[in-house]
Amino acid sequence: MKTSHLIEALAQDSASDASLRWNLPRALKVALIAGNIAAGAIFFIWIGFRPDIMAAAETTRFLLKFVITIPIATAATAALLRVSRPGTDLGSSGWALAISPAILIVAVIVELNVLPERLWVMTLIGNNASHCLTMIPLLALGPLVCLLVALREGAPTRPGLAGAIAGLAASGIAATFYATNCSDDSPLYVATWYPLATGIVVLAGYLGGRAFLRW
């Protein structure tokens, strides 16, 4: 290769990398705004807040749900910025994804120690399991689509992983909305049904990533 051709190729790569650094964060920011609007529209039109939300907001168990869901959405979004660039791993954002599960595990252990054993199964099943498994994926649909579209501005070398993390971010957004409607505040319930609903969205994101993020 002639020196002039090498310089030209390096310049093009540099310009492409600079464009990626600029376009991807901007696209993800727009996707998050649009996704939250989409999820919020579905929530307020079809679901709405639980009737006793003002009283519930004064309880630790209700507030704990948001200590779980918001960090998941935040950490997954940060992870998206990394996995959307070629040759980049999760880095410290991978550890951040473990914060919410760790908090939830501690909360479950505490509840198992204070709750009579005869109530464990009833508390775990709750009153809204099927509603949870339906509403979280429904609310996550808009954010997931928006994030997958935004990820096309990147160049993920593992499109399935990028899509799965987009699904995790979308489910974090959806679960945050849904938690204000759900009347089951038990950590046992949250640790059972919220991850199952999240798994549906993560699987959809993985399949969507493999289908639409290949390059």
N, C-alpha and C. Protein backbone atom coordinates (compact mmCIF):
# COMPACT_ATOMS: atom_id res chain seq x y z
N MET A 1 0.85 -1.20 0.00
CA MET A 1 0.00 0.00 0.00
C MET A 1 0.88 1.24 0.00
N LYS A 2 0.56 2.18 -0.85
CA LYS A 2 1.31 3.43 -0.88
C LYS A 2 1.04 4.22 0.39
N THR A 3 2.05 5.05 0.75
CA THR A 3 1.93 5.84 1.98
C THR A 3 0.71 6.75 1.94
N SER A 4 0.43 7.36 0.77
CA SER A 4 -0.71 8.27 0.65
C SER A 4 -2.03 7.54 0.89
N HIS A 5 -2.10 6.28 0.40
CA HIS A 5 -3.33 5.50 0.60
C HIS A 5 -3.50 5.13 2.08
N LEU A 6 -2.38 4.81 2.74
CA LEU A 6 -2.43 4.48 4.16
C LEU A 6 -2.91 5.67 4.98
N ILE A 7 -2.37 6.84 4.69
CA ILE A 7 -2.77 8.05 5.41
C ILE A 7 -4.25 8.33 5.19
N GLU A 8 -4.71 8.14 3.95
CA GLU A 8 -6.12 8.39 3.63
C GLU A 8 -7.03 7.42 4.40
N ALA A 9 -6.63 6.14 4.48
CA ALA A 9 -7.43 5.15 5.20
C ALA A 9 -7.49 5.46 6.68
N LEU A 10 -6.35 5.86 7.25
CA LEU A 10 -6.33 6.21 8.67
C LEU A 10 -7.21 7.42 8.95
N ALA A 11 -7.20 8.38 8.04
CA ALA A 11 -8.03 9.57 8.21
C ALA A 11 -9.51 9.21 8.17
N GLN A 12 -9.87 8.31 7.26
CA GLN A 12 -11.26 7.89 7.16
C GLN A 12 -11.70 7.14 8.42
N ASP A 13 -10.81 6.27 8.95
CA ASP A 13 -11.13 5.55 10.18
C ASP A 13 -11.30 6.50 11.34
N SER A 14 -10.44 7.51 11.41
CA SER A 14 -10.53 8.49 12.49
C SER A 14 -11.82 9.28 12.41
N ALA A 15 -12.20 9.67 11.19
CA ALA A 15 -13.45 10.41 11.01
C ALA A 15 -14.64 9.56 11.38
N SER A 16 -14.59 8.27 11.01
CA SER A 16 -15.68 7.36 11.33
C SER A 16 -15.81 7.18 12.83
N ASP A 17 -14.66 7.03 13.53
CA ASP A 17 -14.68 6.85 14.97
C ASP A 17 -15.21 8.10 15.67
N ALA A 18 -14.82 9.28 15.18
CA ALA A 18 -15.31 10.52 15.77
C ALA A 18 -16.81 10.65 15.57
N SER A 19 -17.30 10.24 14.39
CA SER A 19 -18.73 10.28 14.13
C SER A 19 -19.48 9.35 15.06
N LEU A 20 -18.90 8.15 15.31
CA LEU A 20 -19.53 7.19 16.21
C LEU A 20 -19.59 7.75 17.62
N ARG A 21 -18.50 8.37 18.10
CA ARG A 21 -18.49 8.92 19.44
C ARG A 21 -19.54 10.01 19.60
N TRP A 22 -19.83 10.74 18.52
CA TRP A 22 -20.80 11.82 18.60
C TRP A 22 -22.22 11.32 18.38
N ASN A 23 -22.44 10.51 17.36
CA ASN A 23 -23.79 10.12 16.99
C ASN A 23 -24.42 9.13 17.95
N LEU A 24 -23.67 8.17 18.47
CA LEU A 24 -24.23 7.14 19.31
C LEU A 24 -24.79 7.68 20.63
N PRO A 25 -24.04 8.46 21.42
CA PRO A 25 -24.63 8.99 22.65
C PRO A 25 -25.86 9.86 22.39
N ARG A 26 -25.80 10.65 21.33
CA ARG A 26 -26.95 11.49 20.99
C ARG A 26 -28.15 10.63 20.62
N ALA A 27 -27.92 9.57 19.84
CA ALA A 27 -29.02 8.67 19.44
C ALA A 27 -29.61 7.97 20.65
N LEU A 28 -28.76 7.52 21.57
CA LEU A 28 -29.26 6.85 22.77
C LEU A 28 -30.05 7.80 23.65
N LYS A 29 -29.61 9.05 23.73
CA LYS A 29 -30.33 10.03 24.52
C LYS A 29 -31.73 10.27 23.95
N VAL A 30 -31.80 10.42 22.64
CA VAL A 30 -33.10 10.61 21.98
C VAL A 30 -33.97 9.36 22.17
N ALA A 31 -33.35 8.17 22.07
CA ALA A 31 -34.08 6.92 22.23
C ALA A 31 -34.65 6.79 23.63
N LEU A 32 -33.89 7.20 24.63
CA LEU A 32 -34.37 7.13 26.01
C LEU A 32 -35.54 8.08 26.24
N ILE A 33 -35.45 9.27 25.68
CA ILE A 33 -36.55 10.22 25.82
C ILE A 33 -37.80 9.69 25.14
N ALA A 34 -37.63 9.25 23.89
CA ALA A 34 -38.77 8.73 23.14
C ALA A 34 -39.34 7.47 23.79
N GLY A 35 -38.46 6.60 24.27
CA GLY A 35 -38.91 5.37 24.90
C GLY A 35 -39.68 5.62 26.19
N ASN A 36 -39.22 6.58 26.99
CA ASN A 36 -39.94 6.93 28.21
C ASN A 36 -41.30 7.55 27.90
N ILE A 37 -41.34 8.35 26.86
CA ILE A 37 -42.63 8.94 26.45
C ILE A 37 -43.60 7.85 26.02
N ALA A 38 -43.10 6.89 25.23
CA ALA A 38 -43.94 5.78 24.76
C ALA A 38 -44.45 4.95 25.93
N ALA A 39 -43.55 4.60 26.85
CA ALA A 39 -43.95 3.81 28.01
C ALA A 39 -44.92 4.59 28.89
N GLY A 40 -44.64 5.88 29.07
CA GLY A 40 -45.51 6.72 29.88
C GLY A 40 -46.90 6.87 29.29
N ALA A 41 -46.97 6.98 27.97
CA ALA A 41 -48.28 7.11 27.32
C ALA A 41 -49.12 5.86 27.56
N ILE A 42 -48.51 4.68 27.36
CA ILE A 42 -49.24 3.43 27.60
C ILE A 42 -49.64 3.32 29.06
N PHE A 43 -48.74 3.70 29.95
CA PHE A 43 -49.01 3.59 31.38
C PHE A 43 -50.20 4.47 31.79
N PHE A 44 -50.17 5.73 31.41
CA PHE A 44 -51.20 6.65 31.88
C PHE A 44 -52.54 6.45 31.16
N ILE A 45 -52.51 5.94 29.94
CA ILE A 45 -53.76 5.70 29.22
C ILE A 45 -54.43 4.41 29.69
N TRP A 46 -53.65 3.34 29.90
CA TRP A 46 -54.24 2.02 30.15
C TRP A 46 -54.09 1.50 31.58
N ILE A 47 -53.11 2.02 32.32
CA ILE A 47 -52.81 1.39 33.62
C ILE A 47 -53.04 2.36 34.78
N GLY A 48 -52.17 3.36 34.91
CA GLY A 48 -52.33 4.36 35.96
C GLY A 48 -51.75 3.93 37.31
N PHE A 49 -51.71 4.89 38.23
CA PHE A 49 -51.17 4.64 39.56
C PHE A 49 -52.12 3.77 40.38
N ARG A 50 -51.57 3.06 41.33
CA ARG A 50 -52.40 2.31 42.28
C ARG A 50 -53.19 3.29 43.13
N PRO A 51 -54.37 2.93 43.58
CA PRO A 51 -55.22 3.88 44.31
C PRO A 51 -54.60 4.41 45.60
N ASP A 52 -53.79 3.59 46.27
CA ASP A 52 -53.23 4.00 47.56
C ASP A 52 -51.78 4.45 47.45
N ILE A 53 -51.42 5.02 46.32
CA ILE A 53 -50.00 5.31 46.10
C ILE A 53 -49.43 6.31 47.11
N MET A 54 -50.23 7.25 47.58
CA MET A 54 -49.72 8.23 48.54
C MET A 54 -49.34 7.56 49.86
N ALA A 55 -50.19 6.64 50.30
CA ALA A 55 -49.87 5.90 51.53
C ALA A 55 -48.72 4.94 51.30
N ALA A 56 -48.71 4.28 50.13
CA ALA A 56 -47.65 3.32 49.82
C ALA A 56 -46.29 4.00 49.76
N ALA A 57 -46.26 5.24 49.28
CA ALA A 57 -45.00 5.97 49.12
C ALA A 57 -44.32 6.24 50.46
N GLU A 58 -45.04 6.04 51.55
CA GLU A 58 -44.45 6.24 52.87
C GLU A 58 -43.87 4.96 53.45
N THR A 59 -43.94 3.87 52.68
CA THR A 59 -43.43 2.59 53.17
C THR A 59 -42.10 2.24 52.52
N THR A 60 -41.26 1.57 53.25
CA THR A 60 -39.93 1.20 52.75
C THR A 60 -40.03 0.19 51.62
N ARG A 61 -40.94 -0.77 51.73
CA ARG A 61 -41.03 -1.83 50.72
C ARG A 61 -41.44 -1.27 49.36
N PHE A 62 -42.32 -0.29 49.35
CA PHE A 62 -42.72 0.33 48.09
C PHE A 62 -41.54 1.06 47.46
N LEU A 63 -40.84 1.86 48.24
CA LEU A 63 -39.71 2.63 47.73
C LEU A 63 -38.56 1.73 47.29
N LEU A 64 -38.44 0.56 47.94
CA LEU A 64 -37.36 -0.36 47.59
C LEU A 64 -37.46 -0.81 46.13
N LYS A 65 -38.68 -0.91 45.61
CA LYS A 65 -38.84 -1.34 44.22
C LYS A 65 -38.10 -0.41 43.27
N PHE A 66 -38.09 0.88 43.57
CA PHE A 66 -37.43 1.85 42.69
C PHE A 66 -35.92 1.85 42.89
N VAL A 67 -35.48 1.43 44.09
CA VAL A 67 -34.06 1.25 44.33
C VAL A 67 -33.53 0.10 43.49
N ILE A 68 -34.43 -0.79 43.09
CA ILE A 68 -34.07 -1.93 42.24
C ILE A 68 -34.17 -1.55 40.76
N THR A 69 -35.28 -0.95 40.35
CA THR A 69 -35.54 -0.76 38.92
C THR A 69 -34.75 0.38 38.29
N ILE A 70 -34.60 1.48 39.00
CA ILE A 70 -33.92 2.64 38.40
C ILE A 70 -32.43 2.36 38.16
N PRO A 71 -31.69 1.78 39.14
CA PRO A 71 -30.29 1.46 38.84
C PRO A 71 -30.12 0.45 37.71
N ILE A 72 -31.08 -0.47 37.54
CA ILE A 72 -30.99 -1.41 36.42
C ILE A 72 -31.05 -0.65 35.10
N ALA A 73 -32.02 0.26 34.97
CA ALA A 73 -32.15 1.04 33.74
C ALA A 73 -30.92 1.90 33.50
N THR A 74 -30.40 2.50 34.55
CA THR A 74 -29.23 3.39 34.42
C THR A 74 -27.97 2.61 34.05
N ALA A 75 -27.72 1.52 34.77
CA ALA A 75 -26.51 0.73 34.51
C ALA A 75 -26.55 0.08 33.13
N ALA A 76 -27.73 -0.39 32.72
CA ALA A 76 -27.84 -1.02 31.41
C ALA A 76 -27.63 0.00 30.29
N THR A 77 -28.11 1.22 30.49
CA THR A 77 -27.89 2.27 29.48
C THR A 77 -26.40 2.59 29.36
N ALA A 78 -25.71 2.67 30.50
CA ALA A 78 -24.27 2.91 30.47
C ALA A 78 -23.54 1.77 29.77
N ALA A 79 -24.00 0.55 30.01
CA ALA A 79 -23.38 -0.61 29.36
C ALA A 79 -23.60 -0.57 27.85
N LEU A 80 -24.74 -0.05 27.43
CA LEU A 80 -25.01 0.04 25.99
C LEU A 80 -23.98 0.89 25.28
N LEU A 81 -23.56 1.97 25.90
CA LEU A 81 -22.57 2.84 25.29
C LEU A 81 -21.26 2.10 25.02
N ARG A 82 -20.95 1.11 25.87
CA ARG A 82 -19.70 0.37 25.72
C ARG A 82 -19.84 -0.74 24.68
N VAL A 83 -20.89 -1.55 24.79
CA VAL A 83 -21.00 -2.71 23.89
C VAL A 83 -21.38 -2.30 22.48
N SER A 84 -21.78 -1.04 22.29
CA SER A 84 -22.14 -0.58 20.95
C SER A 84 -20.93 -0.17 20.13
N ARG A 85 -19.76 -0.16 20.76
CA ARG A 85 -18.53 0.19 20.04
C ARG A 85 -17.71 -1.08 19.80
N PRO A 86 -17.15 -1.22 18.64
CA PRO A 86 -16.42 -2.45 18.32
C PRO A 86 -15.23 -2.67 19.24
N GLY A 87 -15.09 -3.93 19.69
CA GLY A 87 -13.94 -4.31 20.50
C GLY A 87 -13.96 -3.79 21.92
N THR A 88 -15.13 -3.38 22.43
CA THR A 88 -15.23 -2.84 23.78
C THR A 88 -16.04 -3.79 24.65
N ASP A 89 -15.54 -4.07 25.87
CA ASP A 89 -16.30 -4.94 26.77
C ASP A 89 -17.13 -4.10 27.74
N LEU A 90 -17.80 -4.76 28.68
CA LEU A 90 -18.69 -4.06 29.60
C LEU A 90 -17.93 -3.16 30.58
N GLY A 91 -16.72 -3.54 30.92
CA GLY A 91 -15.95 -2.73 31.86
C GLY A 91 -16.64 -2.64 33.22
N SER A 92 -16.51 -1.49 33.86
CA SER A 92 -17.10 -1.29 35.19
C SER A 92 -18.62 -1.30 35.16
N SER A 93 -19.20 -1.02 34.00
CA SER A 93 -20.66 -1.03 33.91
C SER A 93 -21.22 -2.43 34.15
N GLY A 94 -20.40 -3.45 33.88
CA GLY A 94 -20.83 -4.81 34.17
C GLY A 94 -21.04 -5.02 35.66
N TRP A 95 -20.13 -4.44 36.47
CA TRP A 95 -20.30 -4.53 37.91
C TRP A 95 -21.51 -3.73 38.37
N ALA A 96 -21.77 -2.60 37.71
CA ALA A 96 -22.92 -1.77 38.10
C ALA A 96 -24.24 -2.53 37.90
N LEU A 97 -24.26 -3.42 36.91
CA LEU A 97 -25.48 -4.21 36.68
C LEU A 97 -25.79 -5.15 37.84
N ALA A 98 -24.79 -5.43 38.67
CA ALA A 98 -24.99 -6.35 39.79
C ALA A 98 -25.54 -5.65 41.04
N ILE A 99 -25.61 -4.31 41.02
CA ILE A 99 -26.03 -3.58 42.21
C ILE A 99 -27.47 -3.92 42.59
N SER A 100 -28.38 -3.83 41.63
CA SER A 100 -29.79 -4.09 41.94
C SER A 100 -30.05 -5.52 42.40
N PRO A 101 -29.51 -6.55 41.71
CA PRO A 101 -29.70 -7.91 42.22
C PRO A 101 -29.16 -8.09 43.63
N ALA A 102 -28.02 -7.46 43.93
CA ALA A 102 -27.44 -7.60 45.27
C ALA A 102 -28.37 -6.99 46.33
N ILE A 103 -28.91 -5.80 46.04
CA ILE A 103 -29.84 -5.16 46.97
C ILE A 103 -31.08 -6.03 47.16
N LEU A 104 -31.58 -6.57 46.07
CA LEU A 104 -32.79 -7.39 46.14
C LEU A 104 -32.56 -8.67 46.94
N ILE A 105 -31.41 -9.28 46.77
CA ILE A 105 -31.10 -10.50 47.53
C ILE A 105 -31.06 -10.20 49.03
N VAL A 106 -30.45 -9.09 49.40
CA VAL A 106 -30.40 -8.70 50.82
C VAL A 106 -31.82 -8.47 51.34
N ALA A 107 -32.65 -7.79 50.55
CA ALA A 107 -34.03 -7.51 50.96
C ALA A 107 -34.82 -8.81 51.15
N VAL A 108 -34.61 -9.77 50.26
CA VAL A 108 -35.30 -11.06 50.38
C VAL A 108 -34.86 -11.79 51.65
N ILE A 109 -33.57 -11.77 51.93
CA ILE A 109 -33.06 -12.44 53.13
C ILE A 109 -33.67 -11.81 54.38
N VAL A 110 -33.74 -10.49 54.39
CA VAL A 110 -34.35 -9.80 55.54
C VAL A 110 -35.81 -10.20 55.69
N GLU A 111 -36.54 -10.22 54.58
CA GLU A 111 -37.96 -10.55 54.65
C GLU A 111 -38.17 -11.99 55.11
N LEU A 112 -37.35 -12.90 54.65
CA LEU A 112 -37.49 -14.30 55.06
C LEU A 112 -37.23 -14.47 56.56
N ASN A 113 -36.45 -13.57 57.12
CA ASN A 113 -36.15 -13.64 58.55
C ASN A 113 -37.23 -13.01 59.42
N VAL A 114 -38.02 -12.10 58.86
CA VAL A 114 -39.04 -11.42 59.67
C VAL A 114 -40.45 -11.94 59.36
N LEU A 115 -40.62 -12.60 58.22
CA LEU A 115 -41.94 -13.07 57.81
C LEU A 115 -42.12 -14.52 58.25
N PRO A 116 -43.26 -14.86 58.86
CA PRO A 116 -43.51 -16.27 59.23
C PRO A 116 -43.43 -17.18 58.02
N GLU A 117 -42.85 -18.36 58.21
CA GLU A 117 -42.63 -19.27 57.09
C GLU A 117 -43.92 -19.64 56.38
N ARG A 118 -45.02 -19.72 57.10
CA ARG A 118 -46.29 -20.11 56.48
C ARG A 118 -46.79 -19.09 55.45
N LEU A 119 -46.24 -17.88 55.51
CA LEU A 119 -46.67 -16.83 54.58
C LEU A 119 -45.74 -16.67 53.39
N TRP A 120 -44.66 -17.42 53.34
CA TRP A 120 -43.68 -17.24 52.27
C TRP A 120 -44.28 -17.45 50.89
N VAL A 121 -44.94 -18.59 50.69
CA VAL A 121 -45.47 -18.91 49.36
C VAL A 121 -46.55 -17.91 48.95
N MET A 122 -47.45 -17.59 49.87
CA MET A 122 -48.52 -16.65 49.56
C MET A 122 -47.96 -15.28 49.19
N THR A 123 -46.95 -14.85 49.91
CA THR A 123 -46.33 -13.55 49.63
C THR A 123 -45.60 -13.57 48.30
N LEU A 124 -44.93 -14.67 48.00
CA LEU A 124 -44.20 -14.80 46.74
C LEU A 124 -45.15 -14.76 45.54
N ILE A 125 -46.28 -15.45 45.65
CA ILE A 125 -47.24 -15.50 44.54
C ILE A 125 -47.92 -14.15 44.36
N GLY A 126 -48.29 -13.49 45.46
CA GLY A 126 -48.91 -12.17 45.39
C GLY A 126 -50.27 -12.20 44.72
N ASN A 127 -50.68 -11.04 44.23
CA ASN A 127 -52.01 -10.90 43.63
C ASN A 127 -51.96 -10.49 42.16
N ASN A 128 -50.78 -10.19 41.65
CA ASN A 128 -50.70 -9.58 40.32
C ASN A 128 -49.66 -10.22 39.41
N ALA A 129 -49.38 -11.51 39.62
CA ALA A 129 -48.29 -12.13 38.87
C ALA A 129 -48.52 -12.07 37.36
N SER A 130 -49.70 -12.47 36.90
CA SER A 130 -49.98 -12.46 35.46
C SER A 130 -49.98 -11.04 34.91
N HIS A 131 -50.45 -10.11 35.72
CA HIS A 131 -50.46 -8.69 35.31
C HIS A 131 -49.03 -8.19 35.14
N CYS A 132 -48.17 -8.57 36.06
CA CYS A 132 -46.76 -8.18 36.01
C CYS A 132 -46.09 -8.73 34.75
N LEU A 133 -46.33 -10.02 34.47
CA LEU A 133 -45.71 -10.66 33.31
C LEU A 133 -46.22 -10.11 32.00
N THR A 134 -47.37 -9.46 32.03
CA THR A 134 -47.92 -8.85 30.83
C THR A 134 -47.52 -7.39 30.68
N MET A 135 -47.65 -6.64 31.77
CA MET A 135 -47.49 -5.19 31.69
C MET A 135 -46.04 -4.74 31.52
N ILE A 136 -45.10 -5.39 32.19
CA ILE A 136 -43.70 -4.97 32.04
C ILE A 136 -43.22 -5.15 30.59
N PRO A 137 -43.44 -6.32 29.95
CA PRO A 137 -43.06 -6.42 28.54
C PRO A 137 -43.80 -5.43 27.64
N LEU A 138 -45.07 -5.18 27.93
CA LEU A 138 -45.83 -4.22 27.12
C LEU A 138 -45.24 -2.82 27.24
N LEU A 139 -44.98 -2.40 28.47
CA LEU A 139 -44.41 -1.06 28.69
C LEU A 139 -42.99 -0.96 28.15
N ALA A 140 -42.29 -2.09 28.08
CA ALA A 140 -40.90 -2.07 27.60
C ALA A 140 -40.80 -2.05 26.08
N LEU A 141 -41.90 -2.33 25.40
CA LEU A 141 -41.84 -2.45 23.94
C LEU A 141 -41.35 -1.17 23.27
N GLY A 142 -41.92 -0.04 23.63
CA GLY A 142 -41.51 1.23 23.03
C GLY A 142 -40.06 1.56 23.30
N PRO A 143 -39.59 1.52 24.58
CA PRO A 143 -38.18 1.78 24.84
C PRO A 143 -37.25 0.82 24.12
N LEU A 144 -37.62 -0.45 24.03
CA LEU A 144 -36.76 -1.43 23.37
C LEU A 144 -36.60 -1.11 21.89
N VAL A 145 -37.69 -0.83 21.22
CA VAL A 145 -37.62 -0.50 19.79
C VAL A 145 -36.77 0.75 19.58
N CYS A 146 -36.98 1.76 20.41
CA CYS A 146 -36.20 3.01 20.28
C CYS A 146 -34.71 2.75 20.50
N LEU A 147 -34.37 1.94 21.48
CA LEU A 147 -32.96 1.66 21.76
C LEU A 147 -32.32 0.84 20.65
N LEU A 148 -33.05 -0.11 20.10
CA LEU A 148 -32.49 -0.91 19.00
C LEU A 148 -32.23 -0.03 17.78
N VAL A 149 -33.14 0.90 17.52
CA VAL A 149 -32.93 1.82 16.40
C VAL A 149 -31.70 2.68 16.66
N ALA A 150 -31.55 3.17 17.90
CA ALA A 150 -30.39 4.01 18.23
C ALA A 150 -29.09 3.24 18.10
N LEU A 151 -29.11 1.95 18.45
CA LEU A 151 -27.89 1.14 18.40
C LEU A 151 -27.37 0.94 16.98
N ARG A 152 -28.19 1.20 16.00
CA ARG A 152 -27.74 1.10 14.61
C ARG A 152 -26.75 2.22 14.28
N GLU A 153 -26.68 3.23 15.16
CA GLU A 153 -25.66 4.27 15.01
C GLU A 153 -24.30 3.79 15.51
N GLY A 154 -24.30 2.68 16.24
CA GLY A 154 -23.05 2.11 16.73
C GLY A 154 -22.56 1.00 15.82
N ALA A 155 -21.63 0.22 16.36
CA ALA A 155 -21.08 -0.90 15.59
C ALA A 155 -20.76 -2.04 16.54
N PRO A 156 -21.79 -2.61 17.19
CA PRO A 156 -21.52 -3.68 18.15
C PRO A 156 -20.99 -4.94 17.49
N THR A 157 -19.92 -5.49 18.03
CA THR A 157 -19.38 -6.74 17.49
C THR A 157 -20.14 -7.94 18.02
N ARG A 158 -20.94 -7.75 19.05
CA ARG A 158 -21.80 -8.80 19.60
C ARG A 158 -23.24 -8.28 19.62
N PRO A 159 -23.91 -8.30 18.48
CA PRO A 159 -25.24 -7.69 18.37
C PRO A 159 -26.27 -8.31 19.30
N GLY A 160 -26.16 -9.62 19.54
CA GLY A 160 -27.10 -10.26 20.45
C GLY A 160 -26.97 -9.72 21.86
N LEU A 161 -25.72 -9.55 22.32
CA LEU A 161 -25.47 -9.00 23.66
C LEU A 161 -25.96 -7.56 23.74
N ALA A 162 -25.68 -6.76 22.71
CA ALA A 162 -26.14 -5.37 22.70
C ALA A 162 -27.67 -5.31 22.78
N GLY A 163 -28.32 -6.17 22.01
CA GLY A 163 -29.78 -6.21 22.04
C GLY A 163 -30.32 -6.64 23.39
N ALA A 164 -29.66 -7.62 24.01
CA ALA A 164 -30.09 -8.10 25.33
C ALA A 164 -29.96 -6.99 26.38
N ILE A 165 -28.87 -6.24 26.32
CA ILE A 165 -28.68 -5.14 27.28
C ILE A 165 -29.69 -4.04 27.02
N ALA A 166 -30.02 -3.81 25.74
CA ALA A 166 -31.10 -2.86 25.42
C ALA A 166 -32.41 -3.33 26.04
N GLY A 167 -32.66 -4.64 25.99
CA GLY A 167 -33.85 -5.19 26.62
C GLY A 167 -33.84 -5.00 28.13
N LEU A 168 -32.66 -5.13 28.74
CA LEU A 168 -32.54 -4.91 30.18
C LEU A 168 -32.82 -3.46 30.54
N ALA A 169 -32.28 -2.54 29.75
CA ALA A 169 -32.55 -1.11 29.99
C ALA A 169 -34.04 -0.81 29.81
N ALA A 170 -34.64 -1.36 28.76
CA ALA A 170 -36.06 -1.13 28.49
C ALA A 170 -36.93 -1.70 29.60
N SER A 171 -36.56 -2.87 30.11
CA SER A 171 -37.35 -3.47 31.19
C SER A 171 -37.19 -2.70 32.49
N GLY A 172 -36.02 -2.09 32.70
CA GLY A 172 -35.83 -1.24 33.87
C GLY A 172 -36.74 -0.03 33.83
N ILE A 173 -36.86 0.58 32.65
CA ILE A 173 -37.78 1.70 32.47
C ILE A 173 -39.22 1.25 32.70
N ALA A 174 -39.58 0.12 32.07
CA ALA A 174 -40.95 -0.39 32.18
C ALA A 174 -41.30 -0.76 33.62
N ALA A 175 -40.37 -1.43 34.31
CA ALA A 175 -40.63 -1.86 35.68
C ALA A 175 -40.77 -0.66 36.62
N THR A 176 -40.07 0.43 36.33
CA THR A 176 -40.19 1.63 37.15
C THR A 176 -41.61 2.20 37.03
N PHE A 177 -42.12 2.26 35.81
CA PHE A 177 -43.51 2.70 35.64
C PHE A 177 -44.47 1.72 36.32
N TYR A 178 -44.28 0.44 36.05
CA TYR A 178 -45.22 -0.56 36.55
C TYR A 178 -45.23 -0.61 38.08
N ALA A 179 -44.10 -0.37 38.71
CA ALA A 179 -44.02 -0.44 40.17
C ALA A 179 -44.96 0.54 40.85
N THR A 180 -45.32 1.63 40.17
CA THR A 180 -46.25 2.59 40.77
C THR A 180 -47.69 2.11 40.69
N ASN A 181 -47.94 1.07 39.91
CA ASN A 181 -49.28 0.48 39.81
C ASN A 181 -49.40 -0.80 40.62
N CYS A 182 -48.32 -1.54 40.72
CA CYS A 182 -48.33 -2.85 41.37
C CYS A 182 -48.55 -2.71 42.88
N SER A 183 -49.51 -3.44 43.40
CA SER A 183 -49.82 -3.38 44.83
C SER A 183 -49.04 -4.42 45.63
N ASP A 184 -48.26 -5.26 44.96
CA ASP A 184 -47.42 -6.24 45.65
C ASP A 184 -46.03 -5.64 45.85
N ASP A 185 -45.71 -5.33 47.10
CA ASP A 185 -44.44 -4.65 47.39
C ASP A 185 -43.41 -5.57 48.04
N SER A 186 -43.76 -6.82 48.26
CA SER A 186 -42.86 -7.75 48.93
C SER A 186 -41.60 -8.00 48.10
N PRO A 187 -40.41 -7.95 48.72
CA PRO A 187 -39.19 -8.32 47.99
C PRO A 187 -39.24 -9.73 47.41
N LEU A 188 -39.94 -10.65 48.11
CA LEU A 188 -40.10 -12.00 47.57
C LEU A 188 -40.84 -11.99 46.25
N TYR A 189 -41.89 -11.20 46.20
CA TYR A 189 -42.67 -11.07 44.96
C TYR A 189 -41.84 -10.42 43.87
N VAL A 190 -41.19 -9.31 44.21
CA VAL A 190 -40.38 -8.58 43.23
C VAL A 190 -39.26 -9.46 42.69
N ALA A 191 -38.62 -10.24 43.57
CA ALA A 191 -37.50 -11.08 43.16
C ALA A 191 -37.94 -12.25 42.28
N THR A 192 -39.23 -12.57 42.31
CA THR A 192 -39.73 -13.68 41.50
C THR A 192 -40.27 -13.21 40.15
N TRP A 193 -41.21 -12.27 40.17
CA TRP A 193 -41.96 -11.93 38.96
C TRP A 193 -41.32 -10.84 38.12
N TYR A 194 -40.67 -9.87 38.75
CA TYR A 194 -40.02 -8.83 37.96
C TYR A 194 -38.89 -9.40 37.10
N PRO A 195 -38.01 -10.27 37.64
CA PRO A 195 -36.98 -10.87 36.78
C PRO A 195 -37.55 -11.73 35.66
N LEU A 196 -38.66 -12.45 35.93
CA LEU A 196 -39.27 -13.24 34.86
C LEU A 196 -39.78 -12.35 33.74
N ALA A 197 -40.44 -11.26 34.11
CA ALA A 197 -40.91 -10.32 33.09
C ALA A 197 -39.74 -9.68 32.35
N THR A 198 -38.68 -9.36 33.10
CA THR A 198 -37.48 -8.78 32.49
C THR A 198 -36.84 -9.77 31.52
N GLY A 199 -36.84 -11.04 31.89
CA GLY A 199 -36.26 -12.05 31.02
C GLY A 199 -36.94 -12.12 29.66
N ILE A 200 -38.25 -11.91 29.64
CA ILE A 200 -38.98 -11.89 28.37
C ILE A 200 -38.46 -10.76 27.48
N VAL A 201 -38.27 -9.60 28.08
CA VAL A 201 -37.82 -8.42 27.32
C VAL A 201 -36.37 -8.60 26.88
N VAL A 202 -35.53 -9.14 27.76
CA VAL A 202 -34.13 -9.36 27.42
C VAL A 202 -34.01 -10.35 26.26
N LEU A 203 -34.82 -11.39 26.28
CA LEU A 203 -34.82 -12.36 25.17
C LEU A 203 -35.25 -11.69 23.87
N ALA A 204 -36.29 -10.87 23.95
CA ALA A 204 -36.74 -10.14 22.75
C ALA A 204 -35.64 -9.21 22.25
N GLY A 205 -34.93 -8.57 23.17
CA GLY A 205 -33.83 -7.69 22.78
C GLY A 205 -32.70 -8.46 22.14
N TYR A 206 -32.39 -9.63 22.69
CA TYR A 206 -31.32 -10.46 22.12
C TYR A 206 -31.66 -10.86 20.68
N LEU A 207 -32.89 -11.33 20.48
CA LEU A 207 -33.30 -11.73 19.13
C LEU A 207 -33.35 -10.53 18.19
N GLY A 208 -33.83 -9.39 18.70
CA GLY A 208 -33.85 -8.19 17.88
C GLY A 208 -32.46 -7.71 17.52
N GLY A 209 -31.54 -7.81 18.49
CA GLY A 209 -30.16 -7.41 18.22
C GLY A 209 -29.51 -8.27 17.15
N ARG A 210 -29.72 -9.57 17.23
CA ARG A 210 -29.14 -10.46 16.23
C ARG A 210 -29.75 -10.24 14.85
N ALA A 211 -31.01 -9.82 14.82
CA ALA A 211 -31.67 -9.62 13.54
C ALA A 211 -31.36 -8.26 12.91
N PHE A 212 -31.23 -7.22 13.73
CA PHE A 212 -31.16 -5.86 13.18
C PHE A 212 -29.84 -5.13 13.41
N LEU A 213 -28.95 -5.69 14.23
CA LEU A 213 -27.72 -4.96 14.54
C LEU A 213 -26.48 -5.58 13.93
N ARG A 214 -26.64 -6.55 13.05
CA ARG A 214 -25.49 -7.14 12.38
C ARG A 214 -24.89 -6.13 11.39
N TRP A 215 -23.57 -6.19 11.25
CA TRP A 215 -22.91 -5.30 10.29
C TRP A 215 -21.73 -6.02 9.66
